Amino acid sequence: MSDKKTKYLQFLILCLIWSTTWGMIKIGAEETPPMVGLAIRFIIASMILFSIIFIKKRKISFDKSSVVTYLIAGIFSQTLSYYCTYWGTQYVTSGLSAILWATMPLTVGIFAHFMIREERLNWLRVTSVCVSIFGVILILSDQKLVFSWQILVGSIVVLLAVLLGTYPAVYIKKNQKSVDPLILTAMSLGIAAICHSIGALVMGQWHEMDWNLKNLGAAAYLGVFGSAIAFFVYYSLLRKISIIKLSFINFVTPVFAAALGWLFLGEIITFREIVGTFVILAGLFFFDFRKYLSFINNGLMRKRKS
């Protein structure tokens, strides 16, 4: 298989995995306490990743800067953000969770405006953020979809998860250093596994766990495919293709996730949700409008030359 076909195959695999994780979170959330599900998921993922690190003899840095980066990613993103996602997904559809998470590139832009001097917002980006916010409001105003306070609160908590996951992303971007992505992922997931395990013990959630095949299967799938393999493929692609091309995942994943939720979980997809999704994706596209157009034009020029 050619290198080009391999990259496309990896891109497709990543889209499929991250599209299915939302449904698996929803399946597990029915009978699995959030912290228990996360603890099992991250224990499995970190065991796999640390095994790879051991086999490849990668060196783990423990200098102050690296440790701070591990802690910020592990606590804010993998612990707090994922907990809010799992908690909120108990009350909202898997498709809606994915759609709300599609706003993350926009929140990254907002945080970067205040944290990174070179990443200032302009009028087009501010307009794009406002457009996407309108799309979120449109979805959450749908009485057929958000028919109870629980669902509305669940959606707000998922949006909080997006904000909590944004800070470490911008922090890592601002403090770019030679941290091995594999080690950063393993360390952050390991920290999260410890936090969720202790949290589940303190809150008595381990005793609430129904240890059946469905729950364990969902956690194992999320640990092996949704965390270890997905991040490995993601960082592998990051070295092979441009970040702009890779960012197209943000457009594909919520659509696939909503379709899979409707097809396999019988989740409701309303007309207002569909319209709101396209409004959010439109805002996401125009946020980096010039970069996407430049990428598309360069691709067309290469085809003409060949």
C-alpha atoms as a PDB file:
ATOM      1  CA  MET A   1       0.000   0.000   0.000  1.00  0.00           C
ATOM      2  CA  SER A   2       1.359   3.443  -0.960  1.00  0.00           C
ATOM      3  CA  ASP A   3       2.155   6.054   1.685  1.00  0.00           C
ATOM      4  CA  LYS A   4      -0.682   8.250   0.382  1.00  0.00           C
ATOM      5  CA  LYS A   5      -3.246   5.440   0.687  1.00  0.00           C
ATOM      6  CA  THR A   6      -1.933   4.608   4.163  1.00  0.00           C
ATOM      7  CA  LYS A   7      -2.486   8.215   5.296  1.00  0.00           C
ATOM      8  CA  TYR A   8      -6.038   8.236   3.944  1.00  0.00           C
ATOM      9  CA  LEU A   9      -6.722   4.890   5.628  1.00  0.00           C
ATOM     10  CA  GLN A  10      -5.389   6.203   8.947  1.00  0.00           C
ATOM     11  CA  PHE A  11      -7.510   9.354   8.590  1.00  0.00           C
ATOM     12  CA  LEU A  12     -10.621   7.232   7.945  1.00  0.00           C
ATOM     13  CA  ILE A  13      -9.820   4.957  10.909  1.00  0.00           C
ATOM     14  CA  LEU A  14      -9.421   7.979  13.181  1.00  0.00           C
ATOM     15  CA  CYS A  15     -12.740   9.473  12.026  1.00  0.00           C
ATOM     16  CA  LEU A  16     -14.537   6.159  12.588  1.00  0.00           C
ATOM     17  CA  ILE A  17     -13.010   5.574  16.035  1.00  0.00           C
ATOM     18  CA  TRP A  18     -13.717   9.075  17.332  1.00  0.00           C
ATOM     19  CA  SER A  19     -17.219   8.950  15.854  1.00  0.00           C
ATOM     20  CA  THR A  20     -18.011   5.727  17.730  1.00  0.00           C
ATOM     21  CA  THR A  21     -16.545   6.772  21.089  1.00  0.00           C
ATOM     22  CA  TRP A  22     -19.551   8.990  21.842  1.00  0.00           C
ATOM     23  CA  GLY A  23     -21.933   6.062  21.442  1.00  0.00           C
ATOM     24  CA  MET A  24     -19.729   3.856  23.615  1.00  0.00           C
ATOM     25  CA  ILE A  25     -19.641   6.536  26.323  1.00  0.00           C
ATOM     26  CA  LYS A  26     -23.440   6.638  26.167  1.00  0.00           C
ATOM     27  CA  ILE A  27     -23.727   2.837  26.392  1.00  0.00           C
ATOM     28  CA  GLY A  28     -21.355   2.674  29.359  1.00  0.00           C
ATOM     29  CA  ALA A  29     -23.000   5.644  31.108  1.00  0.00           C
ATOM     30  CA  GLU A  30     -26.287   3.744  31.427  1.00  0.00           C
ATOM     31  CA  GLU A  31     -24.971   1.445  34.173  1.00  0.00           C
ATOM     32  CA  THR A  32     -21.388   2.556  34.845  1.00  0.00           C
ATOM     33  CA  PRO A  33     -20.630   5.405  37.298  1.00  0.00           C
ATOM     34  CA  PRO A  34     -18.647   8.107  35.420  1.00  0.00           C
ATOM     35  CA  MET A  35     -15.445   7.898  37.480  1.00  0.00           C
ATOM     36  CA  VAL A  36     -15.378   4.103  37.349  1.00  0.00           C
ATOM     37  CA  GLY A  37     -15.808   4.104  33.573  1.00  0.00           C
ATOM     38  CA  LEU A  38     -13.040   6.677  33.192  1.00  0.00           C
ATOM     39  CA  ALA A  39     -10.727   4.872  35.621  1.00  0.00           C
ATOM     40  CA  ILE A  40     -11.064   1.574  33.714  1.00  0.00           C
ATOM     41  CA  ARG A  41     -10.674   3.330  30.354  1.00  0.00           C
ATOM     42  CA  PHE A  42      -7.515   5.203  31.312  1.00  0.00           C
ATOM     43  CA  ILE A  43      -5.944   2.305  33.216  1.00  0.00           C
ATOM     44  CA  ILE A  44      -6.223   0.153  30.076  1.00  0.00           C
ATOM     45  CA  ALA A  45      -4.963   2.960  27.797  1.00  0.00           C
ATOM     46  CA  SER A  46      -2.027   3.953  30.017  1.00  0.00           C
ATOM     47  CA  MET A  47      -0.947   0.311  30.434  1.00  0.00           C
ATOM     48  CA  ILE A  48      -0.817  -0.057  26.645  1.00  0.00           C
ATOM     49  CA  LEU A  49       1.027   3.242  26.133  1.00  0.00           C
ATOM     50  CA  PHE A  50       3.550   2.670  28.921  1.00  0.00           C
ATOM     51  CA  SER A  51       4.220  -0.802  27.494  1.00  0.00           C
ATOM     52  CA  ILE A  52       5.025   0.797  24.120  1.00  0.00           C
ATOM     53  CA  ILE A  53       7.288   3.342  25.852  1.00  0.00           C
ATOM     54  CA  PHE A  54       9.100   0.507  27.671  1.00  0.00           C
ATOM     55  CA  ILE A  55       9.514  -1.565  24.498  1.00  0.00           C
ATOM     56  CA  LYS A  56      10.776   1.438  22.500  1.00  0.00           C
ATOM     57  CA  LYS A  57      12.970   2.537  25.425  1.00  0.00           C
ATOM     58  CA  ARG A  58      11.657   6.100  25.333  1.00  0.00           C
ATOM     59  CA  LYS A  59      12.995   8.393  28.054  1.00  0.00           C
ATOM     60  CA  ILE A  60      10.407  10.057  30.320  1.00  0.00           C
ATOM     61  CA  SER A  61      11.457  13.597  31.307  1.00  0.00           C
ATOM     62  CA  PHE A  62      10.785  14.699  34.879  1.00  0.00           C
ATOM     63  CA  ASP A  63      12.062  18.277  34.721  1.00  0.00           C
ATOM     64  CA  LYS A  64       9.795  20.981  36.188  1.00  0.00           C
ATOM     65  CA  SER A  65       8.407  22.144  32.825  1.00  0.00           C
ATOM     66  CA  SER A  66       7.539  18.615  31.688  1.00  0.00           C
ATOM     67  CA  VAL A  67       5.891  17.688  35.000  1.00  0.00           C
ATOM     68  CA  VAL A  68       3.766  20.866  34.918  1.00  0.00           C
ATOM     69  CA  THR A  69       2.687  20.003  31.361  1.00  0.00           C
ATOM     70  CA  TYR A  70       1.789  16.431  32.384  1.00  0.00           C
ATOM     71  CA  LEU A  71      -0.260  17.724  35.333  1.00  0.00           C
ATOM     72  CA  ILE A  72      -2.133  20.389  33.362  1.00  0.00           C
ATOM     73  CA  ALA A  73      -3.030  17.932  30.587  1.00  0.00           C
ATOM     74  CA  GLY A  74      -3.829  15.141  33.056  1.00  0.00           C
ATOM     75  CA  ILE A  75      -5.931  17.180  35.499  1.00  0.00           C
ATOM     76  CA  PHE A  76      -7.711  19.704  33.284  1.00  0.00           C
ATOM     77  CA  SER A  77      -8.185  17.660  30.116  1.00  0.00           C
ATOM     78  CA  GLN A  78      -8.197  13.967  31.006  1.00  0.00           C
ATOM     79  CA  THR A  79      -9.673  14.279  34.514  1.00  0.00           C
ATOM     80  CA  LEU A  80     -12.005  17.289  34.797  1.00  0.00           C
ATOM     81  CA  SER A  81     -12.976  17.651  31.135  1.00  0.00           C
ATOM     82  CA  TYR A  82     -13.607  13.941  30.592  1.00  0.00           C
ATOM     83  CA  TYR A  83     -15.558  13.684  33.842  1.00  0.00           C
ATOM     84  CA  CYS A  84     -17.872  16.508  32.729  1.00  0.00           C
ATOM     85  CA  THR A  85     -18.258  14.813  29.329  1.00  0.00           C
ATOM     86  CA  TYR A  86     -19.184  11.463  30.882  1.00  0.00           C
ATOM     87  CA  TRP A  87     -21.519  13.074  33.421  1.00  0.00           C
ATOM     88  CA  GLY A  88     -23.272  15.196  30.796  1.00  0.00           C
ATOM     89  CA  THR A  89     -23.577  12.305  28.326  1.00  0.00           C
ATOM     90  CA  GLN A  90     -25.766  10.474  30.865  1.00  0.00           C
ATOM     91  CA  TYR A  91     -28.510  12.968  29.990  1.00  0.00           C
ATOM     92  CA  VAL A  92     -27.876  13.963  26.354  1.00  0.00           C
ATOM     93  CA  THR A  93     -27.543  11.967  23.138  1.00  0.00           C
ATOM     94  CA  SER A  94     -24.144  10.825  21.933  1.00  0.00           C
ATOM     95  CA  GLY A  95     -24.639  12.836  18.729  1.00  0.00           C
ATOM     96  CA  LEU A  96     -25.328  16.048  20.636  1.00  0.00           C
ATOM     97  CA  SER A  97     -22.209  15.511  22.776  1.00  0.00           C
ATOM     98  CA  ALA A  98     -20.096  15.194  19.628  1.00  0.00           C
ATOM     99  CA  ILE A  99     -21.715  18.285  18.102  1.00  0.00           C
ATOM    100  CA  LEU A 100     -21.032  20.365  21.211  1.00  0.00           C
ATOM    101  CA  TRP A 101     -17.417  19.155  21.256  1.00  0.00           C
ATOM    102  CA  ALA A 102     -17.044  20.329  17.648  1.00  0.00           C
ATOM    103  CA  THR A 103     -16.906  23.880  19.051  1.00  0.00           C
ATOM    104  CA  MET A 104     -13.507  23.223  20.677  1.00  0.00           C
ATOM    105  CA  PRO A 105     -11.399  24.763  17.847  1.00  0.00           C
ATOM    106  CA  LEU A 106     -13.370  27.975  18.388  1.00  0.00           C
ATOM    107  CA  THR A 107     -12.835  28.000  22.159  1.00  0.00           C
ATOM    108  CA  VAL A 108      -9.146  27.310  21.508  1.00  0.00           C
ATOM    109  CA  GLY A 109      -9.121  30.455  19.361  1.00  0.00           C
ATOM    110  CA  ILE A 110     -10.703  32.503  22.148  1.00  0.00           C
ATOM    111  CA  PHE A 111      -8.250  31.264  24.805  1.00  0.00           C
ATOM    112  CA  ALA A 112      -5.312  31.732  22.420  1.00  0.00           C
ATOM    113  CA  HIS A 113      -6.351  35.364  21.870  1.00  0.00           C
ATOM    114  CA  PHE A 114      -5.632  36.093  25.531  1.00  0.00           C
ATOM    115  CA  MET A 115      -2.734  33.676  26.075  1.00  0.00           C
ATOM    116  CA  ILE A 116      -0.727  33.842  22.821  1.00  0.00           C
ATOM    117  CA  ARG A 117       0.222  37.192  21.321  1.00  0.00           C
ATOM    118  CA  GLU A 118       0.476  35.834  17.763  1.00  0.00           C
ATOM    119  CA  GLU A 119      -3.025  34.320  17.862  1.00  0.00           C
ATOM    120  CA  ARG A 120      -5.200  37.434  18.107  1.00  0.00           C
ATOM    121  CA  LEU A 121      -8.838  37.274  17.032  1.00  0.00           C
ATOM    122  CA  ASN A 122      -9.961  39.375  14.062  1.00  0.00           C
ATOM    123  CA  TRP A 123     -13.461  40.438  13.023  1.00  0.00           C
ATOM    124  CA  LEU A 124     -13.974  37.321  10.894  1.00  0.00           C
ATOM    125  CA  ARG A 125     -13.034  34.984  13.752  1.00  0.00           C
ATOM    126  CA  VAL A 126     -15.207  36.867  16.259  1.00  0.00           C
ATOM    127  CA  THR A 127     -18.119  36.626  13.798  1.00  0.00           C
ATOM    128  CA  SER A 128     -17.444  32.901  13.344  1.00  0.00           C
ATOM    129  CA  VAL A 129     -17.536  32.338  17.102  1.00  0.00           C
ATOM    130  CA  CYS A 130     -20.835  34.255  17.347  1.00  0.00           C
ATOM    131  CA  VAL A 131     -22.295  32.194  14.486  1.00  0.00           C
ATOM    132  CA  SER A 132     -21.344  28.924  16.199  1.00  0.00           C
ATOM    133  CA  ILE A 133     -22.735  30.141  19.531  1.00  0.00           C
ATOM    134  CA  PHE A 134     -25.994  30.859  17.720  1.00  0.00           C
ATOM    135  CA  GLY A 135     -25.920  27.286  16.381  1.00  0.00           C
ATOM    136  CA  VAL A 136     -25.530  25.922  19.934  1.00  0.00           C
ATOM    137  CA  ILE A 137     -28.397  28.129  21.162  1.00  0.00           C
ATOM    138  CA  LEU A 138     -30.526  26.939  18.249  1.00  0.00           C
ATOM    139  CA  ILE A 139     -29.989  23.303  19.214  1.00  0.00           C
ATOM    140  CA  LEU A 140     -30.568  23.877  22.933  1.00  0.00           C
ATOM    141  CA  SER A 141     -33.779  25.808  22.210  1.00  0.00           C
ATOM    142  CA  ASP A 142     -35.310  22.763  20.515  1.00  0.00           C
ATOM    143  CA  GLN A 143     -38.118  21.611  22.797  1.00  0.00           C
ATOM    144  CA  LYS A 144     -38.267  18.231  21.043  1.00  0.00           C
ATOM    145  CA  LEU A 145     -34.617  17.640  21.879  1.00  0.00           C
ATOM    146  CA  VAL A 146     -34.123  19.516  25.147  1.00  0.00           C
ATOM    147  CA  PHE A 147     -37.404  18.534  26.799  1.00  0.00           C
ATOM    148  CA  SER A 148     -36.208  18.548  30.417  1.00  0.00           C
ATOM    149  CA  TRP A 149     -33.901  20.449  32.742  1.00  0.00           C
ATOM    150  CA  GLN A 150     -31.702  17.359  33.018  1.00  0.00           C
ATOM    151  CA  ILE A 151     -30.938  17.384  29.287  1.00  0.00           C
ATOM    152  CA  LEU A 152     -30.331  21.136  29.279  1.00  0.00           C
ATOM    153  CA  VAL A 153     -27.993  20.911  32.293  1.00  0.00           C
ATOM    154  CA  GLY A 154     -26.249  17.914  30.713  1.00  0.00           C
ATOM    155  CA  SER A 155     -25.607  19.963  27.562  1.00  0.00           C
ATOM    156  CA  ILE A 156     -24.220  22.866  29.604  1.00  0.00           C
ATOM    157  CA  VAL A 157     -21.902  20.494  31.497  1.00  0.00           C
ATOM    158  CA  VAL A 158     -20.614  19.084  28.183  1.00  0.00           C
ATOM    159  CA  LEU A 159     -19.888  22.663  27.064  1.00  0.00           C
ATOM    160  CA  LEU A 160     -18.029  23.150  30.362  1.00  0.00           C
ATOM    161  CA  ALA A 161     -16.011  20.050  29.459  1.00  0.00           C
ATOM    162  CA  VAL A 162     -15.048  21.723  26.179  1.00  0.00           C
ATOM    163  CA  LEU A 163     -13.791  24.795  28.055  1.00  0.00           C
ATOM    164  CA  LEU A 164     -11.821  22.663  30.530  1.00  0.00           C
ATOM    165  CA  GLY A 165     -10.245  20.740  27.659  1.00  0.00           C
ATOM    166  CA  THR A 166      -9.324  23.957  25.854  1.00  0.00           C
ATOM    167  CA  TYR A 167      -6.954  25.403  28.450  1.00  0.00           C
ATOM    168  CA  PRO A 168      -4.353  22.587  28.361  1.00  0.00           C
ATOM    169  CA  ALA A 169      -4.439  22.586  24.532  1.00  0.00           C
ATOM    170  CA  VAL A 170      -3.569  26.301  24.418  1.00  0.00           C
ATOM    171  CA  TYR A 171      -1.060  25.980  27.264  1.00  0.00           C
ATOM    172  CA  ILE A 172       0.813  23.223  25.413  1.00  0.00           C
ATOM    173  CA  LYS A 173       0.719  25.286  22.211  1.00  0.00           C
ATOM    174  CA  LYS A 174       2.031  28.370  24.022  1.00  0.00           C
ATOM    175  CA  ASN A 175       4.798  26.446  25.793  1.00  0.00           C
ATOM    176  CA  GLN A 176       5.850  24.350  22.840  1.00  0.00           C
ATOM    177  CA  LYS A 177       8.814  22.178  23.747  1.00  0.00           C
ATOM    178  CA  SER A 178      10.259  18.848  22.783  1.00  0.00           C
ATOM    179  CA  VAL A 179       7.824  16.740  24.799  1.00  0.00           C
ATOM    180  CA  ASP A 180       7.322  13.355  23.184  1.00  0.00           C
ATOM    181  CA  PRO A 181       3.589  13.179  22.272  1.00  0.00           C
ATOM    182  CA  LEU A 182       3.497   9.482  23.199  1.00  0.00           C
ATOM    183  CA  ILE A 183       4.943  10.196  26.646  1.00  0.00           C
ATOM    184  CA  LEU A 184       2.701  13.233  27.175  1.00  0.00           C
ATOM    185  CA  THR A 185      -0.364  11.128  26.330  1.00  0.00           C
ATOM    186  CA  ALA A 186       0.732   8.214  28.547  1.00  0.00           C
ATOM    187  CA  MET A 187       1.587  10.461  31.511  1.00  0.00           C
ATOM    188  CA  SER A 188      -1.612  12.520  31.282  1.00  0.00           C
ATOM    189  CA  LEU A 189      -3.765   9.395  30.981  1.00  0.00           C
ATOM    190  CA  GLY A 190      -1.861   7.789  33.863  1.00  0.00           C
ATOM    191  CA  ILE A 191      -2.496  10.834  36.070  1.00  0.00           C
ATOM    192  CA  ALA A 192      -6.168  10.767  35.098  1.00  0.00           C
ATOM    193  CA  ALA A 193      -6.403   7.028  35.839  1.00  0.00           C
ATOM    194  CA  ILE A 194      -5.107   7.677  39.369  1.00  0.00           C
ATOM    195  CA  CYS A 195      -7.429  10.669  39.918  1.00  0.00           C
ATOM    196  CA  HIS A 196     -10.539   8.831  38.701  1.00  0.00           C
ATOM    197  CA  SER A 197      -9.671   5.653  40.633  1.00  0.00           C
ATOM    198  CA  ILE A 198      -9.276   7.597  43.892  1.00  0.00           C
ATOM    199  CA  GLY A 199     -12.373   9.699  43.161  1.00  0.00           C
ATOM    200  CA  ALA A 200     -14.465   6.593  42.500  1.00  0.00           C
ATOM    201  CA  LEU A 201     -13.191   5.047  45.756  1.00  0.00           C
ATOM    202  CA  VAL A 202     -13.954   8.166  47.835  1.00  0.00           C
ATOM    203  CA  MET A 203     -17.437   8.528  46.315  1.00  0.00           C
ATOM    204  CA  GLY A 204     -18.187   4.812  46.655  1.00  0.00           C
ATOM    205  CA  GLN A 205     -18.731   4.372  42.918  1.00  0.00           C
ATOM    206  CA  TRP A 206     -16.781   1.116  42.677  1.00  0.00           C
ATOM    207  CA  HIS A 207     -19.562  -0.577  44.681  1.00  0.00           C
ATOM    208  CA  GLU A 208     -22.178   0.828  42.283  1.00  0.00           C
ATOM    209  CA  MET A 209     -20.534  -0.690  39.222  1.00  0.00           C
ATOM    210  CA  ASP A 210     -22.441  -3.451  37.446  1.00  0.00           C
ATOM    211  CA  TRP A 211     -19.612  -5.714  36.277  1.00  0.00           C
ATOM    212  CA  ASN A 212     -21.273  -7.131  33.175  1.00  0.00           C
ATOM    213  CA  LEU A 213     -19.867  -7.732  29.703  1.00  0.00           C
ATOM    214  CA  LYS A 214     -21.570  -4.672  28.183  1.00  0.00           C
ATOM    215  CA  ASN A 215     -20.084  -2.205  30.660  1.00  0.00           C
ATOM    216  CA  LEU A 216     -16.619  -3.750  30.649  1.00  0.00           C
ATOM    217  CA  GLY A 217     -16.719  -4.011  26.854  1.00  0.00           C
ATOM    218  CA  ALA A 218     -17.574  -0.319  26.471  1.00  0.00           C
ATOM    219  CA  ALA A 219     -14.759   0.701  28.858  1.00  0.00           C
ATOM    220  CA  ALA A 220     -12.286  -1.624  27.136  1.00  0.00           C
ATOM    221  CA  TYR A 221     -13.229  -0.295  23.685  1.00  0.00           C
ATOM    222  CA  LEU A 222     -12.746   3.296  24.868  1.00  0.00           C
ATOM    223  CA  GLY A 223      -9.429   2.395  26.495  1.00  0.00           C
ATOM    224  CA  VAL A 224      -7.930   0.417  23.606  1.00  0.00           C
ATOM    225  CA  PHE A 225      -9.470   2.111  20.556  1.00  0.00           C
ATOM    226  CA  GLY A 226     -10.756   5.467  21.814  1.00  0.00           C
ATOM    227  CA  SER A 227      -7.602   6.365  23.740  1.00  0.00           C
ATOM    228  CA  ALA A 228      -4.473   4.290  23.018  1.00  0.00           C
ATOM    229  CA  ILE A 229      -4.953   3.538  19.297  1.00  0.00           C
ATOM    230  CA  ALA A 230      -6.735   6.805  18.422  1.00  0.00           C
ATOM    231  CA  PHE A 231      -4.032   8.998  19.961  1.00  0.00           C
ATOM    232  CA  PHE A 232      -1.291   6.876  18.377  1.00  0.00           C
ATOM    233  CA  VAL A 233      -2.890   7.260  14.920  1.00  0.00           C
ATOM    234  CA  TYR A 234      -3.516  10.977  15.533  1.00  0.00           C
ATOM    235  CA  TYR A 235       0.095  11.758  16.431  1.00  0.00           C
ATOM    236  CA  SER A 236       1.300   9.541  13.595  1.00  0.00           C
ATOM    237  CA  LEU A 237      -0.819  11.516  11.121  1.00  0.00           C
ATOM    238  CA  LEU A 238       0.302  14.801  12.659  1.00  0.00           C
ATOM    239  CA  ARG A 239       3.835  14.007  11.473  1.00  0.00           C
ATOM    240  CA  LYS A 240       2.697  13.081   7.943  1.00  0.00           C
ATOM    241  CA  ILE A 241       0.019  15.612   6.951  1.00  0.00           C
ATOM    242  CA  SER A 242      -0.736  19.263   7.594  1.00  0.00           C
ATOM    243  CA  ILE A 243      -2.651  20.350  10.694  1.00  0.00           C
ATOM    244  CA  ILE A 244      -5.249  21.955   8.401  1.00  0.00           C
ATOM    245  CA  LYS A 245      -5.987  18.658   6.674  1.00  0.00           C
ATOM    246  CA  LEU A 246      -6.139  16.889  10.041  1.00  0.00           C
ATOM    247  CA  SER A 247      -8.558  19.505  11.398  1.00  0.00           C
ATOM    248  CA  PHE A 248     -11.191  18.329   8.891  1.00  0.00           C
ATOM    249  CA  ILE A 249     -11.892  15.610  11.486  1.00  0.00           C
ATOM    250  CA  ASN A 250     -13.820  18.315  13.381  1.00  0.00           C
ATOM    251  CA  PHE A 251     -16.297  18.449  10.487  1.00  0.00           C
ATOM    252  CA  VAL A 252     -16.654  14.693   9.981  1.00  0.00           C
ATOM    253  CA  THR A 253     -16.842  13.336  13.547  1.00  0.00           C
ATOM    254  CA  PRO A 254     -20.051  15.056  14.809  1.00  0.00           C
ATOM    255  CA  VAL A 255     -21.959  14.126  11.633  1.00  0.00           C
ATOM    256  CA  PHE A 256     -20.852  10.477  11.842  1.00  0.00           C
ATOM    257  CA  ALA A 257     -21.525  10.355  15.601  1.00  0.00           C
ATOM    258  CA  ALA A 258     -25.052  11.734  15.210  1.00  0.00           C
ATOM    259  CA  ALA A 259     -25.789   9.288  12.378  1.00  0.00           C
ATOM    260  CA  LEU A 260     -24.460   6.305  14.375  1.00  0.00           C
ATOM    261  CA  GLY A 261     -26.447   7.369  17.438  1.00  0.00           C
ATOM    262  CA  TRP A 262     -29.613   7.546  15.348  1.00  0.00           C
ATOM    263  CA  LEU A 263     -28.906   4.246  13.578  1.00  0.00           C
ATOM    264  CA  PHE A 264     -27.775   2.043  16.490  1.00  0.00           C
ATOM    265  CA  LEU A 265     -29.019   3.747  19.657  1.00  0.00           C
ATOM    266  CA  GLY A 266     -32.343   5.058  18.360  1.00  0.00           C
ATOM    267  CA  GLU A 267     -31.437   8.641  19.294  1.00  0.00           C
ATOM    268  CA  ILE A 268     -33.595  11.516  18.106  1.00  0.00           C
ATOM    269  CA  ILE A 269     -32.254  13.849  15.412  1.00  0.00           C
ATOM    270  CA  THR A 270     -34.500  16.877  14.979  1.00  0.00           C
ATOM    271  CA  PHE A 271     -34.607  19.387  12.146  1.00  0.00           C
ATOM    272  CA  ARG A 272     -33.388  22.169  14.444  1.00  0.00           C
ATOM    273  CA  GLU A 273     -30.476  19.999  15.563  1.00  0.00           C
ATOM    274  CA  ILE A 274     -29.467  19.404  11.941  1.00  0.00           C
ATOM    275  CA  VAL A 275     -29.669  23.136  11.136  1.00  0.00           C
ATOM    276  CA  GLY A 276     -27.790  24.038  14.333  1.00  0.00           C
ATOM    277  CA  THR A 277     -25.062  21.518  13.486  1.00  0.00           C
ATOM    278  CA  PHE A 278     -24.512  23.057  10.053  1.00  0.00           C
ATOM    279  CA  VAL A 279     -24.446  26.536  11.616  1.00  0.00           C
ATOM    280  CA  ILE A 280     -21.750  25.397  14.089  1.00  0.00           C
ATOM    281  CA  LEU A 281     -19.711  23.742  11.318  1.00  0.00           C
ATOM    282  CA  ALA A 282     -20.063  26.863   9.153  1.00  0.00           C
ATOM    283  CA  GLY A 283     -18.675  28.963  12.003  1.00  0.00           C
ATOM    284  CA  LEU A 284     -15.870  26.442  12.449  1.00  0.00           C
ATOM    285  CA  PHE A 285     -15.015  26.619   8.736  1.00  0.00           C
ATOM    286  CA  PHE A 286     -14.998  30.402   8.498  1.00  0.00           C
ATOM    287  CA  PHE A 287     -12.911  30.664  11.676  1.00  0.00           C
ATOM    288  CA  ASP A 288      -9.916  29.488   9.608  1.00  0.00           C
ATOM    289  CA  PHE A 289     -11.474  30.413   6.271  1.00  0.00           C
ATOM    290  CA  ARG A 290      -8.265  31.553   4.555  1.00  0.00           C
ATOM    291  CA  LYS A 291      -6.263  28.516   5.671  1.00  0.00           C
ATOM    292  CA  TYR A 292      -8.893  26.085   4.406  1.00  0.00           C
ATOM    293  CA  LEU A 293      -9.225  27.890   1.059  1.00  0.00           C
ATOM    294  CA  SER A 294      -5.447  27.969   0.658  1.00  0.00           C
ATOM    295  CA  PHE A 295      -5.262  24.244   1.418  1.00  0.00           C
ATOM    296  CA  ILE A 296      -8.042  23.435  -1.095  1.00  0.00           C
ATOM    297  CA  ASN A 297      -6.510  25.657  -3.818  1.00  0.00           C
ATOM    298  CA  ASN A 298      -3.059  24.097  -3.328  1.00  0.00           C
ATOM    299  CA  GLY A 299      -4.606  20.650  -3.642  1.00  0.00           C
ATOM    300  CA  LEU A 300      -6.359  21.600  -6.882  1.00  0.00           C
ATOM    301  CA  MET A 301      -3.144  23.061  -8.318  1.00  0.00           C
ATOM    302  CA  ARG A 302      -1.214  19.888  -7.532  1.00  0.00           C
ATOM    303  CA  LYS A 303      -3.877  17.821  -9.318  1.00  0.00           C
ATOM    304  CA  ARG A 304      -3.675  20.036 -12.413  1.00  0.00           C
ATOM    305  CA  LYS A 305       0.112  19.753 -12.547  1.00  0.00           C
ATOM    306  CA  SER A 306      -0.054  15.975 -12.256  1.00  0.00           C
END
